[in-house]
Protein backbone atom coordinates (compact mmCIF):
# COMPACT_ATOMS: atom_id res chain seq x y z
CA MET A 1 119.61 99.39 110.59
CA ARG A 2 121.59 100.81 107.67
CA ILE A 3 119.92 100.95 104.25
CA LEU A 4 121.68 101.61 100.95
CA PHE A 5 119.60 102.87 98.01
CA LEU A 6 120.80 102.24 94.45
CA ASN A 7 119.15 104.13 91.61
CA GLN A 8 120.36 106.10 88.62
CA TYR A 9 118.96 109.37 89.99
CA PHE A 10 118.04 110.89 93.35
CA PRO A 11 116.81 114.40 94.31
CA PRO A 12 117.49 117.18 93.66
CA ASP A 13 117.29 115.56 90.22
CA PRO A 14 113.61 115.62 89.06
CA ALA A 15 113.44 111.97 87.90
CA PRO A 16 110.21 110.50 89.38
CA THR A 17 111.77 107.20 90.50
CA GLY A 18 114.46 108.97 92.48
CA ILE A 19 111.86 111.11 94.25
CA LEU A 20 109.93 108.01 95.34
CA PHE A 21 113.07 106.27 96.63
CA ARG A 22 113.94 109.43 98.54
CA GLU A 23 110.54 109.32 100.24
CA ILE A 24 111.06 105.69 101.24
CA ALA A 25 114.40 106.78 102.68
CA ASP A 26 112.86 109.70 104.57
CA GLU A 27 110.27 107.38 106.12
CA SER A 28 113.04 104.95 107.06
CA VAL A 29 114.97 107.75 108.79
CA ARG A 30 111.81 108.78 110.63
CA ARG A 31 111.66 105.24 112.00
CA GLY A 32 115.24 105.36 113.24
CA HIS A 33 117.19 103.80 110.36
CA GLU A 34 120.30 105.19 108.65
CA VAL A 35 120.27 105.64 104.87
CA GLU A 36 122.81 106.13 102.11
CA PHE A 37 122.50 106.68 98.37
CA VAL A 38 124.51 105.70 95.32
CA ASP A 39 123.52 107.15 91.95
CA ALA A 40 125.02 107.26 88.47
CA GLY A 41 126.38 110.79 88.79
CA LEU A 42 124.47 112.15 85.79
CA GLY A 43 121.16 114.07 85.75
CA TYR A 44 118.03 112.54 84.19
CA ARG A 45 117.42 115.21 81.55
CA ASP A 46 121.12 115.71 80.85
CA ALA A 47 121.47 111.99 80.20
CA GLN A 48 118.63 112.05 77.66
CA LYS A 49 120.55 114.60 75.60
CA LYS A 50 123.77 112.57 75.44
CA GLY A 51 124.52 109.95 72.84
CA GLY A 52 126.13 106.54 73.31
CA ARG A 53 123.44 105.16 75.59
CA MET A 54 124.89 101.67 76.06
CA LYS A 55 128.36 102.96 76.82
CA ARG A 56 126.93 105.52 79.24
CA GLU A 57 124.83 102.96 81.08
CA LEU A 58 127.65 100.43 81.38
CA ALA A 59 129.85 103.17 82.81
CA SER A 60 127.08 104.09 85.25
CA LEU A 61 126.71 100.48 86.43
CA TRP A 62 130.46 100.15 86.96
CA ARG A 63 130.58 103.42 88.88
CA MET A 64 127.66 102.39 91.09
CA LEU A 65 129.15 98.96 91.82
CA ARG A 66 132.52 100.46 92.73
CA GLU A 67 131.00 103.18 94.91
CA ALA A 68 128.51 100.88 96.69
CA LYS A 69 131.17 98.32 97.57
CA ARG A 70 133.24 101.06 99.22
CA ARG A 71 130.49 102.11 101.61
CA SER A 72 130.42 101.03 105.24
CA ARG A 73 128.58 97.79 105.89
CA VAL A 74 124.81 98.00 105.36
CA ASP A 75 121.96 95.67 106.34
CA VAL A 76 119.60 96.29 103.43
CA VAL A 77 120.08 97.21 99.76
CA ILE A 78 117.08 98.68 97.92
CA SER A 79 117.47 99.00 94.14
CA GLY A 80 115.56 100.34 91.18
CA THR A 81 115.88 99.27 87.55
CA SER A 82 117.74 102.23 86.15
CA PRO A 83 120.30 101.86 84.64
CA PRO A 84 119.16 98.60 83.02
CA MET A 85 120.41 95.48 84.80
CA LEU A 86 120.93 97.36 88.07
CA ALA A 87 119.38 94.39 89.90
CA VAL A 88 122.46 92.34 89.00
CA ILE A 89 124.76 95.01 90.45
CA ALA A 90 122.57 95.37 93.53
CA ASP A 91 122.65 91.59 94.09
CA ARG A 92 126.46 91.69 94.02
CA VAL A 93 126.55 94.67 96.40
CA ALA A 94 124.16 92.95 98.82
CA ARG A 95 126.34 89.83 98.89
CA VAL A 96 129.47 91.88 99.51
CA HIS A 97 127.76 93.56 102.47
CA GLY A 98 125.97 90.44 103.68
CA ALA A 99 122.73 92.40 103.28
CA GLN A 100 119.19 91.68 102.15
CA HIS A 101 118.27 92.94 98.69
CA PHE A 102 114.86 94.42 97.84
CA HIS A 103 114.30 95.29 94.18
CA TRP A 104 111.58 97.67 92.98
CA ALA A 105 110.98 96.79 89.33
CA MET A 106 110.10 100.09 87.66
CA ASP A 107 110.91 98.35 84.37
CA VAL A 108 111.62 94.71 83.53
CA TYR A 109 114.91 94.03 81.76
CA PRO A 110 115.84 92.65 79.33
CA GLU A 111 112.19 92.03 78.36
CA ILE A 112 111.44 95.70 77.77
CA ALA A 113 114.54 96.13 75.60
CA VAL A 114 113.35 93.23 73.43
CA ALA A 115 109.80 94.62 73.27
CA LEU A 116 111.11 98.00 72.08
CA GLY A 117 113.46 96.49 69.51
CA GLU A 118 116.62 97.59 71.29
CA ILE A 119 118.02 94.06 71.44
CA ARG A 120 117.02 91.00 69.44
CA SER A 121 115.02 88.22 71.08
CA GLY A 122 117.12 85.07 71.34
CA SER A 123 120.39 86.90 70.77
CA PHE A 124 123.40 86.15 72.97
CA ILE A 125 123.11 89.46 74.79
CA GLU A 126 119.38 88.90 75.45
CA ARG A 127 119.99 85.38 76.80
CA ILE A 128 122.88 86.35 79.06
CA CYS A 129 121.02 89.41 80.38
CA ARG A 130 117.87 87.36 81.08
CA TRP A 131 119.87 84.65 82.88
CA ALA A 132 121.74 87.20 85.01
CA SER A 133 118.60 89.18 85.80
CA VAL A 134 116.46 86.20 86.82
CA ARG A 135 119.32 84.77 88.88
CA ALA A 136 119.75 88.05 90.77
CA LEU A 137 116.02 88.55 91.35
CA ARG A 138 115.49 85.03 92.63
CA ARG A 139 118.15 85.69 95.26
CA ALA A 140 116.46 88.92 96.39
CA ALA A 141 114.59 89.01 99.68
CA LYS A 142 111.64 90.41 97.72
CA VAL A 143 110.89 91.75 94.26
CA VAL A 144 108.33 94.57 94.18
CA ALA A 145 106.12 94.83 91.08
CA LEU A 146 104.00 97.79 89.97
CA ASP A 147 100.77 96.00 89.02
CA GLU A 148 99.21 92.59 88.53
CA ASP A 149 100.50 92.27 84.95
CA MET A 150 104.09 92.70 86.12
CA ALA A 151 103.53 90.41 89.09
CA ALA A 152 102.26 87.68 86.74
CA LEU A 153 105.47 87.94 84.71
CA PHE A 154 107.61 87.42 87.82
CA ARG A 155 105.45 84.51 88.98
CA GLY A 156 106.19 82.91 85.63
CA GLN A 157 109.88 83.15 86.57
CA CYS A 158 109.30 81.35 89.88
CA MET A 159 109.13 84.42 92.11
CA GLU A 160 106.33 85.66 94.38
CA PRO A 161 106.44 89.48 94.18
CA GLU A 162 104.89 92.16 96.33
CA ILE A 163 102.75 94.71 94.44
CA ILE A 164 103.34 98.33 95.46
CA ARG A 165 102.13 100.90 92.97
CA PRO A 166 103.92 104.27 92.69
CA TRP A 167 102.35 107.19 94.52
CA VAL A 168 102.05 110.95 94.18
CA SER A 169 105.16 112.48 95.73
CA LEU A 170 105.02 114.73 98.77
CA SER A 171 106.39 117.66 96.78
CA VAL A 172 103.18 117.54 94.73
CA LEU A 173 100.81 116.78 97.62
CA ASP A 174 102.15 119.72 99.62
CA ARG A 175 101.03 122.11 96.87
CA ILE A 176 97.48 120.87 96.48
CA THR A 177 95.01 123.73 96.15
CA PRO A 178 91.27 123.60 95.58
CA PRO A 179 90.77 122.92 91.84
CA GLY A 180 88.88 125.39 89.76
CA LEU A 181 87.33 124.86 86.36
CA PRO A 182 89.69 125.11 83.38
CA SER A 183 89.56 128.35 81.42
CA GLY A 184 90.62 129.19 77.90
CA GLU A 185 90.56 126.88 74.89
CA TRP A 186 89.51 123.26 75.37
CA THR A 187 92.72 121.23 75.74
CA TRP A 188 93.60 117.59 76.23
CA ILE A 189 97.12 116.96 77.49
CA TYR A 190 99.83 114.31 77.44
CA SER A 191 102.32 115.26 80.16
CA GLY A 192 105.71 113.73 80.93
CA ASN A 193 108.30 111.68 79.16
CA LEU A 194 107.29 110.56 75.67
CA GLY A 195 109.45 107.46 75.48
CA ARG A 196 109.63 104.47 73.18
CA ALA A 197 107.08 102.67 75.34
CA HIS A 198 104.39 105.33 74.90
CA GLU A 199 101.79 105.45 72.14
CA TRP A 200 101.36 108.80 70.39
CA ARG A 201 100.18 108.14 66.82
CA THR A 202 96.61 107.47 67.96
CA LEU A 203 96.54 110.87 69.68
CA LEU A 204 97.75 112.70 66.57
CA GLU A 205 95.31 110.86 64.33
CA ALA A 206 92.43 111.62 66.71
CA GLN A 207 93.40 115.31 66.75
CA ALA A 208 93.43 115.29 62.95
CA ILE A 209 89.88 113.90 62.97
CA LEU A 210 88.75 116.55 65.44
CA GLU A 211 90.26 119.35 63.36
CA LYS A 212 88.72 117.98 60.17
CA ARG A 213 85.31 118.00 61.85
CA GLY A 214 85.78 121.51 63.22
CA VAL A 215 85.81 120.44 66.87
CA ASP A 216 87.18 123.11 69.21
CA ALA A 217 90.01 121.10 70.84
CA THR A 218 93.77 121.49 71.20
CA LEU A 219 96.18 118.63 71.87
CA LEU A 220 99.08 119.60 74.16
CA PHE A 221 102.26 117.58 74.68
CA GLN A 222 104.10 118.75 77.80
CA GLY A 223 107.49 117.25 78.61
CA GLY A 224 110.07 115.69 76.32
CA GLY A 225 111.73 112.35 75.69
CA PRO A 226 113.08 110.27 72.82
CA GLY A 227 109.69 110.04 71.11
CA TRP A 228 109.28 113.80 70.74
CA PRO A 229 111.23 114.40 67.49
CA GLU A 230 109.35 111.73 65.52
CA ALA A 231 105.99 112.71 66.99
CA ARG A 232 106.49 116.40 66.18
CA LYS A 233 107.59 115.53 62.68
CA GLU A 234 104.48 113.41 62.18
CA ALA A 235 102.23 116.20 63.53
CA GLU A 236 103.72 118.56 60.96
CA ARG A 237 103.43 115.98 58.18
CA ILE A 238 99.69 115.47 58.68
CA GLY A 239 99.20 119.23 59.01
CA LEU A 240 97.84 119.59 62.55
CA GLY A 241 96.93 123.18 63.32
CA ARG A 242 96.15 122.78 67.03
CA CYS A 243 98.90 120.58 68.41
CA VAL A 244 101.16 122.38 70.92
CA TRP A 245 104.54 121.26 72.29
CA ARG A 246 105.88 122.56 75.62
CA ASP A 247 108.88 121.68 77.76
CA TYR A 248 108.80 119.92 81.13
CA VAL A 249 107.48 121.88 84.08
CA PRO A 250 108.99 121.54 87.58
CA GLU A 251 107.61 118.56 89.53
CA SER A 252 105.98 120.90 92.04
CA GLU A 253 104.00 122.57 89.23
CA VAL A 254 102.82 119.46 87.37
CA ARG A 255 99.53 119.12 89.26
CA ALA A 256 98.55 122.75 88.60
CA SER A 257 99.48 122.43 84.92
CA LEU A 258 97.22 119.38 84.56
CA LEU A 259 94.30 121.05 86.30
CA GLU A 260 94.47 123.83 83.71
CA ARG A 261 93.43 121.28 81.07
CA HIS A 262 90.11 119.62 80.31
CA ALA A 263 91.20 115.98 79.83
CA LEU A 264 94.34 114.04 80.83
CA VAL A 265 96.03 111.43 78.65
CA VAL A 266 98.10 108.37 79.58
CA THR A 267 99.41 105.90 76.99
CA GLN A 268 101.23 102.59 76.81
CA ARG A 269 102.22 100.43 73.87
CA PRO A 270 100.78 96.89 74.13
CA ALA A 271 104.27 95.42 73.66
CA VAL A 272 105.30 96.71 77.11
CA GLN A 273 102.23 95.57 79.05
CA GLY A 274 103.46 94.36 82.43
CA LEU A 275 106.95 95.72 81.83
CA LEU A 276 106.43 99.24 83.18
CA TRP A 277 103.78 101.58 84.64
CA PRO A 278 103.26 105.16 83.36
CA SER A 279 104.77 107.42 86.02
CA LYS A 280 102.08 110.12 85.81
CA LEU A 281 99.16 107.72 86.12
CA GLY A 282 98.90 107.91 89.92
CA LEU A 283 98.64 111.70 89.81
CA VAL A 284 96.20 111.62 86.88
CA MET A 285 93.93 109.20 88.78
CA SER A 286 93.80 111.61 91.75
CA LEU A 287 92.65 114.65 89.78
CA PRO A 288 89.06 115.71 88.98
CA ARG A 289 89.52 115.57 85.23
CA PRO A 290 88.42 113.06 82.56
CA ILE A 291 91.09 110.40 81.93
CA LEU A 292 91.94 108.93 78.53
CA PHE A 293 94.06 105.78 78.44
CA VAL A 294 95.36 104.49 75.13
CA GLY A 295 96.92 101.09 75.67
CA PRO A 296 96.15 97.39 76.22
CA PRO A 297 92.36 97.36 76.77
CA GLU A 298 92.41 94.20 78.93
CA GLY A 299 95.58 94.98 80.90
CA ALA A 300 95.86 95.78 84.60
CA ILE A 301 95.90 99.55 84.00
CA ALA A 302 92.71 99.49 81.93
CA ARG A 303 91.01 97.26 84.51
CA ASP A 304 92.01 99.62 87.31
CA LEU A 305 90.68 102.65 85.44
CA ARG A 306 87.27 101.08 84.85
CA ARG A 307 86.27 101.86 88.44
CA PHE A 308 86.22 105.55 87.46
CA SER A 309 83.18 106.67 85.48
CA HIS A 310 85.18 109.58 84.06
CA ALA A 311 87.91 107.35 82.53
CA ALA A 312 87.90 105.76 79.08
CA THR A 313 90.25 103.19 77.58
CA PHE A 314 90.98 102.65 73.90
CA ALA A 315 93.28 100.30 72.04
CA PRO A 316 96.14 101.90 70.09
CA GLY A 317 94.94 102.75 66.60
CA ASP A 318 91.36 103.51 67.65
CA SER A 319 91.64 107.18 66.72
CA GLU A 320 87.94 107.35 65.78
CA GLY A 321 86.99 106.10 69.24
CA VAL A 322 89.27 108.63 70.93
CA ALA A 323 87.96 111.51 68.81
CA GLY A 324 84.38 110.47 69.56
CA TRP A 325 85.08 110.34 73.30
CA ILE A 326 86.65 113.81 73.23
CA ARG A 327 83.54 115.15 71.53
CA GLU A 328 81.26 113.40 74.06
CA ILE A 329 82.95 114.85 77.14
CA GLN A 330 82.92 118.29 75.57
CA GLU A 331 79.16 118.11 75.14
CA ALA A 332 78.35 116.38 78.45
CA SER A 333 80.88 116.62 81.27
CA PRO A 334 81.31 113.18 82.93
CA ASP A 335 80.65 112.54 86.60
CA ILE A 336 83.92 112.89 88.56
CA SER A 337 82.65 112.16 92.04
CA VAL A 338 85.21 109.41 92.75
CA THR A 339 88.98 109.81 92.36
CA LEU A 340 92.03 108.19 93.91
CA ASP A 341 92.93 109.62 97.35
CA PRO A 342 96.64 110.36 96.76
CA SER A 343 97.52 110.94 100.41
CA ALA A 344 95.92 107.69 101.56
CA HIS A 345 97.57 105.75 98.74
CA ARG A 346 100.98 107.25 99.57
CA ASP A 347 100.62 106.34 103.25
CA LYS A 348 99.56 102.79 102.36
CA SER A 349 102.46 102.29 99.94
CA LEU A 350 105.09 103.63 102.33
CA ALA A 351 103.69 101.44 105.10
CA ALA A 352 104.01 98.42 102.78
CA TRP A 353 107.66 99.30 102.16
CA MET A 354 108.33 99.62 105.89
CA ARG A 355 106.82 96.20 106.51
CA LEU A 356 109.10 94.71 103.86
CA VAL A 357 112.39 96.12 105.12
CA GLY A 358 111.48 95.84 108.81
C-alpha cells in the first residue's frame, strides 16, 4: 500500500506535528507500506518570522495541491491541519488518486480562526470555509480528534471521529535519563510556542503576586511564538524582576530542560477549547514534576489532569489561585507517584493509527 502524507512541515524541521506524522510513516514502512511526503517548502520557525500570513498559506496550499496531484497513484492520503484548510486540499488529492483520506485534526478550521478573532463569525469567508471544511471531512474515511472536546464538536457536524492523542516523540524518548532533583533557583516554566491560543496574562499576574510577597520563584518562558512580544512588553510594564525569556531548545533537549525546573506550565484560552491540544502536554504529563494548567476548568484537558495528584487546574484570571498553589508546592512537595507512561502511550497511539489505515 502507498501512503501520501500532507502536512506543512516534516523532519528535519522541528515542528511537533511533522515529527508525529513522520513516526506514523516510519511505523507504516516497518509494516511493509510505501510512504511519500508533501510539505509547504518552508520551515516552521522561518515561517513565523515572515509577514503576509494569508498570502503565504494560500501559496502553500496551492503548492501542496499541485505537488500531490503529480505523485504516482497512492492508496491512502493522511493529512494534518496546517496550513489551514488543508483538509479541503487533501480531499481533492484523495479523489484524484482514488484514495482513502484520513485527517488528523490538530486544529479545527475555520472555528479556531473565529475564536482568535482572525476572521469574523458569519462573514462570507467564514461561511465558505466552514462549508468546504465540513464537506471535505464528511467525505473522509475517518477524522481523528485529539480529545473528547474536539470529538464532540465533530459529532455535532454529523461525523463519528476516532480519538488519538499526540504522544511523546521517539527523539525525546530515546534520550530519557533518570531524573534528578532540580538545582538552583526555584523556577516554574512555560515551554514551547506561545501562540494566540495560549493564556499568559494569568502567569505574569501570579508572578507579580509572588514577587510582591517575597516568594523565591522565577517564571521562565522558553520558546517563542506570536504571543511573545506582547507578553514580554506586559512583563516589563508591570515591573517583573524574575521573569526570564529564552529561545527554543532542540526537540531532543526539551525533556532535560523541563526536568531542570520545579513546576511545568500548560495553558489554553477557553475560546479554543476543543479546537486544539497543547503540543507539550503529553511530555509534561510523563515527567515527575508538578503540573499547572491554566485553561477551561471543566474541559477534557482539565478532567484528564485530575487523575494526577501533582496537577492543578485554574481558570484564566485566577492569578491568586496560581500564586497560592506555587507557594504550596514550594512548602510541601506533592506526591508524584503516578505519571503518564510515554512509551506505552506512543505504542498504543501508533497501533490505533495502523488499525485505521490497515
